Amino acid sequence: MKYLGAYPAALRAQVEQLMAQGRLGDWLLKRYGGVHGIRTDRALYDYVSGLKSAFLRNAEPLAKVAFDNKLHVIRNALGTHTTISRVQGSKLKAKREIRVASLFKEVPIEWLRMIVVHELAHTKEREHDKAFYQLCTHMEPDYHQLEFDLRLYLTHLESGGPALWSAAA
C-alpha cells in the first residue's frame, strides 16, 4: 500500500479490511458519480483556465495544458507543472505548462479538479508546504479528502482491482 504509507496504521488497517472483503471498489463507486466529460486537451485547457481565472487571476498565463499518456508510468506522478524559459532577442520569456496523467480522463470530476488545483497551486507555491496546502484548500475545500480517496483508488488499481469508471460507461 505504497499510496497510503504516510497515513496512520489504524486507517491503513481499515483499508486492508475493505480490500480483503472486496468492498473498496464498491465503496468508491457509491461515494463518487460517473466519469466527467473532459476528453480533449482543449477541453482540459478550458477547464483549467476557468479555475485559474476564478482563483489565481494574477498568476502568469498558461501556455499549454494537456493529458499525458506517459506521465504516470515514467515519472510516477499524476500531474506536472513546468516552466520553460527561452531567450527571445534581449528578453527572457517563460511559458508555463501543466500536464495531467491520462488516468484522469476516466475518473470522477472531483479527482480531476483536485489534480488541477494541485498543479495550479504550484504556479504560486513551489514546495509542498503549509502555504501550498492552504492555497489548495482555498481552491478546493475538500482537497485533503479527495486526495485520500484518490489514493484509495490507486491502491485498488495497484492490488489488481479493475478500473471503476470508463468513458464508455
N, C-alpha and C. Protein backbone atom coordinates (compact mmCIF):
# COMPACT_ATOMS: atom_id res chain seq x y z
N MET A 1 0.84 -1.19 0.00
CA MET A 1 0.00 0.00 0.00
C MET A 1 0.88 1.25 0.00
N LYS A 2 1.64 1.39 -1.08
CA LYS A 2 2.58 2.49 -1.15
C LYS A 2 1.91 3.86 -1.19
N TYR A 3 0.68 3.94 -1.66
CA TYR A 3 0.00 5.23 -1.75
C TYR A 3 -0.54 5.70 -0.40
N LEU A 4 -0.58 4.80 0.58
CA LEU A 4 -1.13 5.15 1.90
C LEU A 4 -0.07 5.08 3.00
N GLY A 5 1.19 5.02 2.64
CA GLY A 5 2.26 4.84 3.60
C GLY A 5 2.34 5.89 4.70
N ALA A 6 1.95 7.12 4.41
CA ALA A 6 2.08 8.20 5.40
C ALA A 6 0.86 8.31 6.33
N TYR A 7 -0.14 7.49 6.10
CA TYR A 7 -1.36 7.57 6.92
C TYR A 7 -1.23 6.67 8.14
N PRO A 8 -2.01 6.94 9.20
CA PRO A 8 -1.92 6.14 10.44
C PRO A 8 -2.21 4.65 10.20
N ALA A 9 -1.59 3.83 11.01
CA ALA A 9 -1.73 2.37 10.87
C ALA A 9 -3.19 1.93 11.01
N ALA A 10 -3.95 2.55 11.88
CA ALA A 10 -5.35 2.17 12.07
C ALA A 10 -6.16 2.41 10.79
N LEU A 11 -5.87 3.50 10.12
CA LEU A 11 -6.57 3.81 8.87
C LEU A 11 -6.18 2.83 7.76
N ARG A 12 -4.89 2.51 7.70
CA ARG A 12 -4.43 1.52 6.71
C ARG A 12 -5.06 0.16 6.98
N ALA A 13 -5.24 -0.19 8.25
CA ALA A 13 -5.87 -1.47 8.60
C ALA A 13 -7.32 -1.50 8.12
N GLN A 14 -8.03 -0.38 8.24
CA GLN A 14 -9.41 -0.32 7.73
C GLN A 14 -9.45 -0.53 6.22
N VAL A 15 -8.50 0.08 5.53
CA VAL A 15 -8.44 -0.08 4.07
C VAL A 15 -8.12 -1.52 3.71
N GLU A 16 -7.18 -2.13 4.43
CA GLU A 16 -6.83 -3.53 4.17
C GLU A 16 -8.04 -4.44 4.39
N GLN A 17 -8.85 -4.12 5.40
CA GLN A 17 -10.04 -4.92 5.66
C GLN A 17 -11.05 -4.78 4.51
N LEU A 18 -11.26 -3.55 4.04
CA LEU A 18 -12.16 -3.34 2.89
C LEU A 18 -11.66 -4.09 1.67
N MET A 19 -10.35 -4.07 1.46
CA MET A 19 -9.78 -4.77 0.30
C MET A 19 -9.94 -6.28 0.45
N ALA A 20 -9.71 -6.80 1.65
CA ALA A 20 -9.84 -8.24 1.88
C ALA A 20 -11.27 -8.71 1.65
N GLN A 21 -12.22 -7.85 1.96
CA GLN A 21 -13.63 -8.18 1.77
C GLN A 21 -14.10 -7.88 0.35
N GLY A 22 -13.22 -7.31 -0.47
CA GLY A 22 -13.58 -6.97 -1.84
C GLY A 22 -14.58 -5.83 -1.94
N ARG A 23 -14.58 -4.92 -0.95
CA ARG A 23 -15.58 -3.85 -0.91
C ARG A 23 -15.02 -2.46 -1.19
N LEU A 24 -13.72 -2.32 -1.39
CA LEU A 24 -13.14 -1.00 -1.59
C LEU A 24 -13.67 -0.35 -2.87
N GLY A 25 -13.71 -1.10 -3.96
CA GLY A 25 -14.23 -0.57 -5.22
C GLY A 25 -15.68 -0.14 -5.10
N ASP A 26 -16.50 -0.96 -4.46
CA ASP A 26 -17.92 -0.60 -4.28
C ASP A 26 -18.07 0.66 -3.45
N TRP A 27 -17.25 0.79 -2.42
CA TRP A 27 -17.31 1.99 -1.57
C TRP A 27 -17.00 3.24 -2.38
N LEU A 28 -15.97 3.16 -3.23
CA LEU A 28 -15.61 4.31 -4.06
C LEU A 28 -16.71 4.63 -5.08
N LEU A 29 -17.30 3.60 -5.67
CA LEU A 29 -18.38 3.82 -6.64
C LEU A 29 -19.58 4.50 -6.00
N LYS A 30 -19.89 4.13 -4.76
CA LYS A 30 -21.01 4.77 -4.06
C LYS A 30 -20.70 6.21 -3.71
N ARG A 31 -19.45 6.49 -3.43
CA ARG A 31 -19.04 7.82 -2.98
C ARG A 31 -18.99 8.84 -4.13
N TYR A 32 -18.63 8.37 -5.32
CA TYR A 32 -18.44 9.29 -6.44
C TYR A 32 -19.33 8.90 -7.61
N GLY A 33 -19.70 9.92 -8.38
CA GLY A 33 -20.55 9.72 -9.55
C GLY A 33 -19.77 9.13 -10.71
N GLY A 34 -20.30 9.35 -11.88
CA GLY A 34 -19.67 8.81 -13.08
C GLY A 34 -18.48 9.63 -13.53
N VAL A 35 -17.95 9.22 -14.65
CA VAL A 35 -16.77 9.86 -15.24
C VAL A 35 -17.17 11.22 -15.82
N HIS A 36 -16.26 12.16 -15.78
CA HIS A 36 -16.50 13.50 -16.32
C HIS A 36 -16.45 13.48 -17.84
N GLY A 37 -16.79 14.59 -18.47
CA GLY A 37 -16.84 14.66 -19.92
C GLY A 37 -15.66 15.37 -20.57
N ILE A 38 -14.61 15.63 -19.83
CA ILE A 38 -13.45 16.35 -20.39
C ILE A 38 -12.54 15.32 -21.05
N ARG A 39 -12.54 15.31 -22.38
CA ARG A 39 -11.82 14.28 -23.13
C ARG A 39 -10.62 14.79 -23.92
N THR A 40 -10.64 16.05 -24.30
CA THR A 40 -9.58 16.57 -25.16
C THR A 40 -8.67 17.53 -24.39
N ASP A 41 -7.51 17.76 -24.96
CA ASP A 41 -6.59 18.72 -24.36
C ASP A 41 -7.19 20.12 -24.37
N ARG A 42 -7.95 20.46 -25.40
CA ARG A 42 -8.58 21.78 -25.47
C ARG A 42 -9.61 21.94 -24.35
N ALA A 43 -10.43 20.91 -24.14
CA ALA A 43 -11.42 20.96 -23.06
C ALA A 43 -10.73 21.05 -21.70
N LEU A 44 -9.62 20.34 -21.54
CA LEU A 44 -8.87 20.41 -20.29
C LEU A 44 -8.29 21.80 -20.09
N TYR A 45 -7.75 22.39 -21.16
CA TYR A 45 -7.21 23.74 -21.09
C TYR A 45 -8.29 24.73 -20.65
N ASP A 46 -9.48 24.61 -21.24
CA ASP A 46 -10.59 25.50 -20.87
C ASP A 46 -10.99 25.31 -19.41
N TYR A 47 -11.03 24.06 -18.95
CA TYR A 47 -11.38 23.76 -17.56
C TYR A 47 -10.35 24.36 -16.59
N VAL A 48 -9.07 24.15 -16.89
CA VAL A 48 -8.00 24.67 -16.04
C VAL A 48 -8.00 26.20 -16.05
N SER A 49 -8.19 26.78 -17.22
CA SER A 49 -8.22 28.24 -17.33
C SER A 49 -9.36 28.83 -16.51
N GLY A 50 -10.50 28.15 -16.49
CA GLY A 50 -11.63 28.62 -15.68
C GLY A 50 -11.29 28.63 -14.20
N LEU A 51 -10.66 27.57 -13.72
CA LEU A 51 -10.25 27.52 -12.31
C LEU A 51 -9.18 28.57 -12.02
N LYS A 52 -8.25 28.72 -12.93
CA LYS A 52 -7.19 29.71 -12.75
C LYS A 52 -7.76 31.12 -12.67
N SER A 53 -8.68 31.44 -13.56
CA SER A 53 -9.24 32.80 -13.55
C SER A 53 -10.11 33.04 -12.32
N ALA A 54 -10.68 31.98 -11.76
CA ALA A 54 -11.50 32.14 -10.57
C ALA A 54 -10.66 32.34 -9.31
N PHE A 55 -9.49 31.73 -9.25
CA PHE A 55 -8.71 31.75 -8.01
C PHE A 55 -7.33 32.39 -8.11
N LEU A 56 -6.75 32.41 -9.29
CA LEU A 56 -5.38 32.90 -9.45
C LEU A 56 -5.31 33.90 -10.61
N ARG A 57 -6.10 34.94 -10.52
CA ARG A 57 -6.19 35.90 -11.63
C ARG A 57 -4.85 36.54 -11.98
N ASN A 58 -4.02 36.78 -10.98
CA ASN A 58 -2.76 37.49 -11.22
C ASN A 58 -1.60 36.56 -11.59
N ALA A 59 -1.84 35.26 -11.62
CA ALA A 59 -0.78 34.32 -11.98
C ALA A 59 -0.49 34.43 -13.48
N GLU A 60 0.72 34.07 -13.84
CA GLU A 60 1.10 34.12 -15.24
C GLU A 60 0.23 33.18 -16.06
N PRO A 61 -0.01 33.52 -17.33
CA PRO A 61 -0.86 32.68 -18.16
C PRO A 61 -0.23 31.31 -18.44
N LEU A 62 -1.07 30.35 -18.75
CA LEU A 62 -0.61 29.00 -19.08
C LEU A 62 -0.49 28.88 -20.59
N ALA A 63 0.65 28.40 -21.06
CA ALA A 63 0.86 28.22 -22.49
C ALA A 63 0.23 26.92 -22.98
N LYS A 64 0.23 25.90 -22.11
CA LYS A 64 -0.26 24.59 -22.54
C LYS A 64 -0.80 23.82 -21.34
N VAL A 65 -1.89 23.12 -21.59
CA VAL A 65 -2.44 22.18 -20.63
C VAL A 65 -2.82 20.94 -21.43
N ALA A 66 -2.37 19.77 -20.99
CA ALA A 66 -2.62 18.57 -21.79
C ALA A 66 -2.67 17.33 -20.92
N PHE A 67 -3.38 16.32 -21.43
CA PHE A 67 -3.31 14.98 -20.85
C PHE A 67 -2.02 14.35 -21.37
N ASP A 68 -1.34 13.57 -20.53
CA ASP A 68 -0.07 12.97 -20.91
C ASP A 68 -0.13 11.46 -20.67
N ASN A 69 0.00 10.69 -21.74
CA ASN A 69 -0.08 9.22 -21.65
C ASN A 69 1.10 8.60 -20.90
N LYS A 70 2.25 9.25 -20.90
CA LYS A 70 3.45 8.67 -20.32
C LYS A 70 3.70 9.08 -18.88
N LEU A 71 2.95 10.03 -18.40
CA LEU A 71 3.26 10.65 -17.11
C LEU A 71 3.25 9.68 -15.94
N HIS A 72 2.23 8.89 -15.79
CA HIS A 72 2.10 8.02 -14.62
C HIS A 72 3.18 6.94 -14.61
N VAL A 73 3.46 6.36 -15.75
CA VAL A 73 4.39 5.24 -15.81
C VAL A 73 5.83 5.69 -15.63
N ILE A 74 6.24 6.72 -16.33
CA ILE A 74 7.65 7.10 -16.34
C ILE A 74 8.04 7.92 -15.11
N ARG A 75 7.26 8.95 -14.81
CA ARG A 75 7.68 9.88 -13.76
C ARG A 75 7.07 9.58 -12.41
N ASN A 76 6.19 8.58 -12.34
CA ASN A 76 5.50 8.23 -11.11
C ASN A 76 4.82 9.46 -10.51
N ALA A 77 4.18 10.24 -11.39
CA ALA A 77 3.47 11.44 -10.99
C ALA A 77 2.11 11.44 -11.66
N LEU A 78 1.18 12.14 -11.06
CA LEU A 78 -0.17 12.22 -11.62
C LEU A 78 -0.38 13.51 -12.40
N GLY A 79 0.48 14.47 -12.16
CA GLY A 79 0.43 15.73 -12.88
C GLY A 79 1.76 16.43 -12.72
N THR A 80 2.08 17.31 -13.66
CA THR A 80 3.31 18.09 -13.56
C THR A 80 3.03 19.53 -13.95
N HIS A 81 3.87 20.38 -13.45
CA HIS A 81 3.86 21.80 -13.83
C HIS A 81 5.29 22.13 -14.22
N THR A 82 5.45 22.79 -15.33
CA THR A 82 6.79 23.15 -15.76
C THR A 82 6.81 24.58 -16.25
N THR A 83 7.97 25.17 -16.18
CA THR A 83 8.21 26.49 -16.74
C THR A 83 9.36 26.34 -17.72
N ILE A 84 9.10 26.69 -18.95
CA ILE A 84 10.12 26.60 -19.99
C ILE A 84 10.55 28.01 -20.33
N SER A 85 11.83 28.29 -20.15
CA SER A 85 12.36 29.64 -20.41
C SER A 85 13.13 29.65 -21.72
N ARG A 86 12.88 30.69 -22.51
CA ARG A 86 13.59 30.85 -23.78
C ARG A 86 14.03 32.31 -23.90
N VAL A 87 15.15 32.51 -24.54
CA VAL A 87 15.62 33.86 -24.82
C VAL A 87 15.06 34.27 -26.18
N GLN A 88 14.37 35.40 -26.20
CA GLN A 88 13.86 35.95 -27.44
C GLN A 88 14.39 37.38 -27.55
N GLY A 89 15.37 37.54 -28.42
CA GLY A 89 16.01 38.85 -28.52
C GLY A 89 16.80 39.12 -27.26
N SER A 90 16.47 40.21 -26.58
CA SER A 90 17.16 40.55 -25.34
C SER A 90 16.31 40.25 -24.11
N LYS A 91 15.20 39.52 -24.33
CA LYS A 91 14.29 39.23 -23.22
C LYS A 91 14.23 37.73 -22.94
N LEU A 92 13.99 37.40 -21.69
CA LEU A 92 13.79 36.02 -21.28
C LEU A 92 12.29 35.79 -21.16
N LYS A 93 11.76 34.87 -21.96
CA LYS A 93 10.33 34.57 -21.95
C LYS A 93 10.12 33.22 -21.26
N ALA A 94 9.12 33.16 -20.42
CA ALA A 94 8.81 31.91 -19.72
C ALA A 94 7.41 31.45 -20.11
N LYS A 95 7.29 30.16 -20.41
CA LYS A 95 6.00 29.56 -20.72
C LYS A 95 5.71 28.51 -19.65
N ARG A 96 4.51 28.55 -19.12
CA ARG A 96 4.10 27.59 -18.10
C ARG A 96 3.22 26.52 -18.72
N GLU A 97 3.48 25.27 -18.33
CA GLU A 97 2.70 24.14 -18.83
C GLU A 97 2.21 23.29 -17.66
N ILE A 98 1.04 22.72 -17.82
CA ILE A 98 0.52 21.74 -16.87
C ILE A 98 0.18 20.49 -17.67
N ARG A 99 0.66 19.37 -17.19
CA ARG A 99 0.32 18.08 -17.81
C ARG A 99 -0.35 17.22 -16.75
N VAL A 100 -1.40 16.54 -17.16
CA VAL A 100 -2.19 15.70 -16.27
C VAL A 100 -2.15 14.28 -16.82
N ALA A 101 -1.91 13.31 -15.96
CA ALA A 101 -1.86 11.91 -16.39
C ALA A 101 -3.17 11.51 -17.06
N SER A 102 -3.06 10.73 -18.13
CA SER A 102 -4.24 10.30 -18.88
C SER A 102 -5.20 9.47 -18.03
N LEU A 103 -4.71 8.92 -16.94
CA LEU A 103 -5.56 8.21 -15.99
C LEU A 103 -6.78 9.07 -15.62
N PHE A 104 -6.60 10.38 -15.60
CA PHE A 104 -7.65 11.29 -15.15
C PHE A 104 -8.70 11.59 -16.22
N LYS A 105 -8.58 10.96 -17.38
CA LYS A 105 -9.65 11.07 -18.38
C LYS A 105 -10.86 10.26 -17.95
N GLU A 106 -10.63 9.24 -17.14
CA GLU A 106 -11.70 8.32 -16.78
C GLU A 106 -11.84 8.17 -15.27
N VAL A 107 -12.07 9.30 -14.62
CA VAL A 107 -12.33 9.34 -13.18
C VAL A 107 -13.42 10.38 -12.93
N PRO A 108 -13.96 10.42 -11.73
CA PRO A 108 -14.93 11.48 -11.41
C PRO A 108 -14.30 12.87 -11.49
N ILE A 109 -15.12 13.85 -11.78
CA ILE A 109 -14.66 15.24 -11.95
C ILE A 109 -13.97 15.75 -10.69
N GLU A 110 -14.38 15.28 -9.53
CA GLU A 110 -13.78 15.74 -8.27
C GLU A 110 -12.28 15.46 -8.24
N TRP A 111 -11.87 14.29 -8.75
CA TRP A 111 -10.44 13.94 -8.72
C TRP A 111 -9.66 14.72 -9.76
N LEU A 112 -10.26 14.94 -10.92
CA LEU A 112 -9.60 15.78 -11.92
C LEU A 112 -9.40 17.18 -11.35
N ARG A 113 -10.42 17.71 -10.70
CA ARG A 113 -10.31 19.04 -10.11
C ARG A 113 -9.20 19.08 -9.06
N MET A 114 -9.11 18.04 -8.24
CA MET A 114 -8.09 18.00 -7.19
C MET A 114 -6.68 18.04 -7.80
N ILE A 115 -6.44 17.29 -8.86
CA ILE A 115 -5.13 17.30 -9.50
C ILE A 115 -4.85 18.65 -10.14
N VAL A 116 -5.85 19.22 -10.80
CA VAL A 116 -5.68 20.54 -11.43
C VAL A 116 -5.39 21.60 -10.38
N VAL A 117 -6.12 21.57 -9.27
CA VAL A 117 -5.89 22.52 -8.18
C VAL A 117 -4.46 22.37 -7.66
N HIS A 118 -4.01 21.13 -7.51
CA HIS A 118 -2.65 20.86 -7.03
C HIS A 118 -1.62 21.50 -7.96
N GLU A 119 -1.77 21.28 -9.25
CA GLU A 119 -0.79 21.81 -10.20
C GLU A 119 -0.90 23.33 -10.32
N LEU A 120 -2.10 23.88 -10.25
CA LEU A 120 -2.25 25.34 -10.27
C LEU A 120 -1.60 25.97 -9.04
N ALA A 121 -1.74 25.32 -7.90
CA ALA A 121 -1.13 25.85 -6.66
C ALA A 121 0.39 25.95 -6.81
N HIS A 122 0.97 25.05 -7.58
CA HIS A 122 2.42 25.11 -7.80
C HIS A 122 2.83 26.34 -8.61
N THR A 123 1.91 26.99 -9.30
CA THR A 123 2.29 28.20 -10.02
C THR A 123 2.57 29.34 -9.05
N LYS A 124 2.03 29.26 -7.85
CA LYS A 124 2.28 30.26 -6.80
C LYS A 124 3.25 29.77 -5.73
N GLU A 125 3.11 28.53 -5.34
CA GLU A 125 3.93 27.95 -4.26
C GLU A 125 4.66 26.73 -4.81
N ARG A 126 5.97 26.77 -4.82
CA ARG A 126 6.77 25.68 -5.41
C ARG A 126 6.82 24.43 -4.53
N GLU A 127 6.95 24.62 -3.23
CA GLU A 127 7.14 23.49 -2.30
C GLU A 127 5.81 23.00 -1.75
N HIS A 128 5.79 21.74 -1.31
CA HIS A 128 4.62 21.19 -0.63
C HIS A 128 4.69 21.58 0.85
N ASP A 129 4.44 22.84 1.13
CA ASP A 129 4.49 23.33 2.49
C ASP A 129 3.11 23.80 2.94
N LYS A 130 3.06 24.41 4.10
CA LYS A 130 1.78 24.85 4.66
C LYS A 130 1.06 25.84 3.74
N ALA A 131 1.79 26.80 3.18
CA ALA A 131 1.18 27.78 2.28
C ALA A 131 0.61 27.12 1.03
N PHE A 132 1.31 26.09 0.54
CA PHE A 132 0.84 25.36 -0.63
C PHE A 132 -0.51 24.69 -0.35
N TYR A 133 -0.58 23.97 0.76
CA TYR A 133 -1.83 23.25 1.07
C TYR A 133 -2.95 24.21 1.46
N GLN A 134 -2.63 25.35 2.03
CA GLN A 134 -3.66 26.36 2.29
C GLN A 134 -4.25 26.87 0.99
N LEU A 135 -3.41 27.07 -0.01
CA LEU A 135 -3.90 27.51 -1.32
C LEU A 135 -4.75 26.41 -1.96
N CYS A 136 -4.33 25.18 -1.84
CA CYS A 136 -5.12 24.06 -2.38
C CYS A 136 -6.51 24.01 -1.74
N THR A 137 -6.57 24.14 -0.42
CA THR A 137 -7.87 24.07 0.25
C THR A 137 -8.69 25.33 0.03
N HIS A 138 -8.05 26.44 -0.32
CA HIS A 138 -8.80 27.63 -0.70
C HIS A 138 -9.52 27.38 -2.03
N MET A 139 -8.84 26.74 -2.97
CA MET A 139 -9.43 26.47 -4.28
C MET A 139 -10.38 25.29 -4.25
N GLU A 140 -10.11 24.30 -3.40
CA GLU A 140 -10.95 23.11 -3.26
C GLU A 140 -11.02 22.74 -1.79
N PRO A 141 -12.11 23.15 -1.10
CA PRO A 141 -12.20 22.91 0.35
C PRO A 141 -12.06 21.43 0.76
N ASP A 142 -12.47 20.50 -0.09
CA ASP A 142 -12.36 19.07 0.22
C ASP A 142 -11.07 18.45 -0.30
N TYR A 143 -10.07 19.27 -0.54
CA TYR A 143 -8.83 18.81 -1.18
C TYR A 143 -8.25 17.57 -0.48
N HIS A 144 -8.11 17.61 0.82
CA HIS A 144 -7.44 16.50 1.53
C HIS A 144 -8.25 15.21 1.46
N GLN A 145 -9.58 15.29 1.56
CA GLN A 145 -10.41 14.09 1.43
C GLN A 145 -10.34 13.53 0.02
N LEU A 146 -10.35 14.41 -0.98
CA LEU A 146 -10.26 13.96 -2.37
C LEU A 146 -8.92 13.30 -2.64
N GLU A 147 -7.86 13.86 -2.09
CA GLU A 147 -6.54 13.26 -2.26
C GLU A 147 -6.49 11.87 -1.62
N PHE A 148 -7.05 11.75 -0.44
CA PHE A 148 -7.08 10.44 0.23
C PHE A 148 -7.88 9.43 -0.58
N ASP A 149 -9.06 9.83 -1.05
CA ASP A 149 -9.90 8.91 -1.82
C ASP A 149 -9.23 8.51 -3.14
N LEU A 150 -8.52 9.44 -3.76
CA LEU A 150 -7.76 9.09 -4.97
C LEU A 150 -6.67 8.08 -4.63
N ARG A 151 -6.02 8.26 -3.49
CA ARG A 151 -5.00 7.30 -3.07
C ARG A 151 -5.63 5.91 -2.83
N LEU A 152 -6.87 5.89 -2.32
CA LEU A 152 -7.58 4.62 -2.17
C LEU A 152 -7.79 3.96 -3.53
N TYR A 153 -8.19 4.76 -4.51
CA TYR A 153 -8.42 4.23 -5.85
C TYR A 153 -7.12 3.69 -6.46
N LEU A 154 -6.04 4.42 -6.30
CA LEU A 154 -4.75 3.95 -6.81
C LEU A 154 -4.32 2.66 -6.12
N THR A 155 -4.62 2.55 -4.83
CA THR A 155 -4.33 1.32 -4.09
C THR A 155 -5.18 0.18 -4.64
N HIS A 156 -6.45 0.47 -4.91
CA HIS A 156 -7.36 -0.51 -5.51
C HIS A 156 -6.80 -1.02 -6.84
N LEU A 157 -6.35 -0.10 -7.70
CA LEU A 157 -5.79 -0.48 -9.00
C LEU A 157 -4.50 -1.27 -8.84
N GLU A 158 -3.64 -0.83 -7.91
CA GLU A 158 -2.36 -1.49 -7.69
C GLU A 158 -2.54 -2.94 -7.21
N SER A 159 -3.61 -3.17 -6.46
CA SER A 159 -3.84 -4.52 -5.94
C SER A 159 -4.52 -5.43 -6.97
N GLY A 160 -4.67 -4.93 -8.20
CA GLY A 160 -5.25 -5.76 -9.25
C GLY A 160 -6.74 -5.53 -9.46
N GLY A 161 -7.30 -4.56 -8.77
CA GLY A 161 -8.72 -4.25 -8.95
C GLY A 161 -8.97 -3.63 -10.32
N PRO A 162 -10.18 -3.80 -10.84
CA PRO A 162 -10.49 -3.24 -12.16
C PRO A 162 -10.70 -1.73 -12.10
N ALA A 163 -10.52 -1.07 -13.23
CA ALA A 163 -10.86 0.36 -13.33
C ALA A 163 -12.36 0.48 -13.05
N LEU A 164 -12.73 1.45 -12.25
CA LEU A 164 -14.11 1.56 -11.83
C LEU A 164 -14.95 2.45 -12.75
N TRP A 165 -14.30 3.31 -13.49
CA TRP A 165 -15.02 4.22 -14.37
C TRP A 165 -14.41 4.12 -15.76
N SER A 166 -15.22 4.36 -16.76
CA SER A 166 -14.70 4.45 -18.13
C SER A 166 -15.59 5.39 -18.91
N ALA A 167 -15.03 5.96 -19.95
CA ALA A 167 -15.76 6.93 -20.77
C ALA A 167 -16.93 6.25 -21.49
N ALA A 168 -16.82 4.95 -21.73
CA ALA A 168 -17.87 4.23 -22.43
C ALA A 168 -19.05 3.91 -21.52
N ALA A 169 -18.83 3.95 -20.20
CA ALA A 169 -19.88 3.57 -19.25
C ALA A 169 -20.97 4.60 -19.17
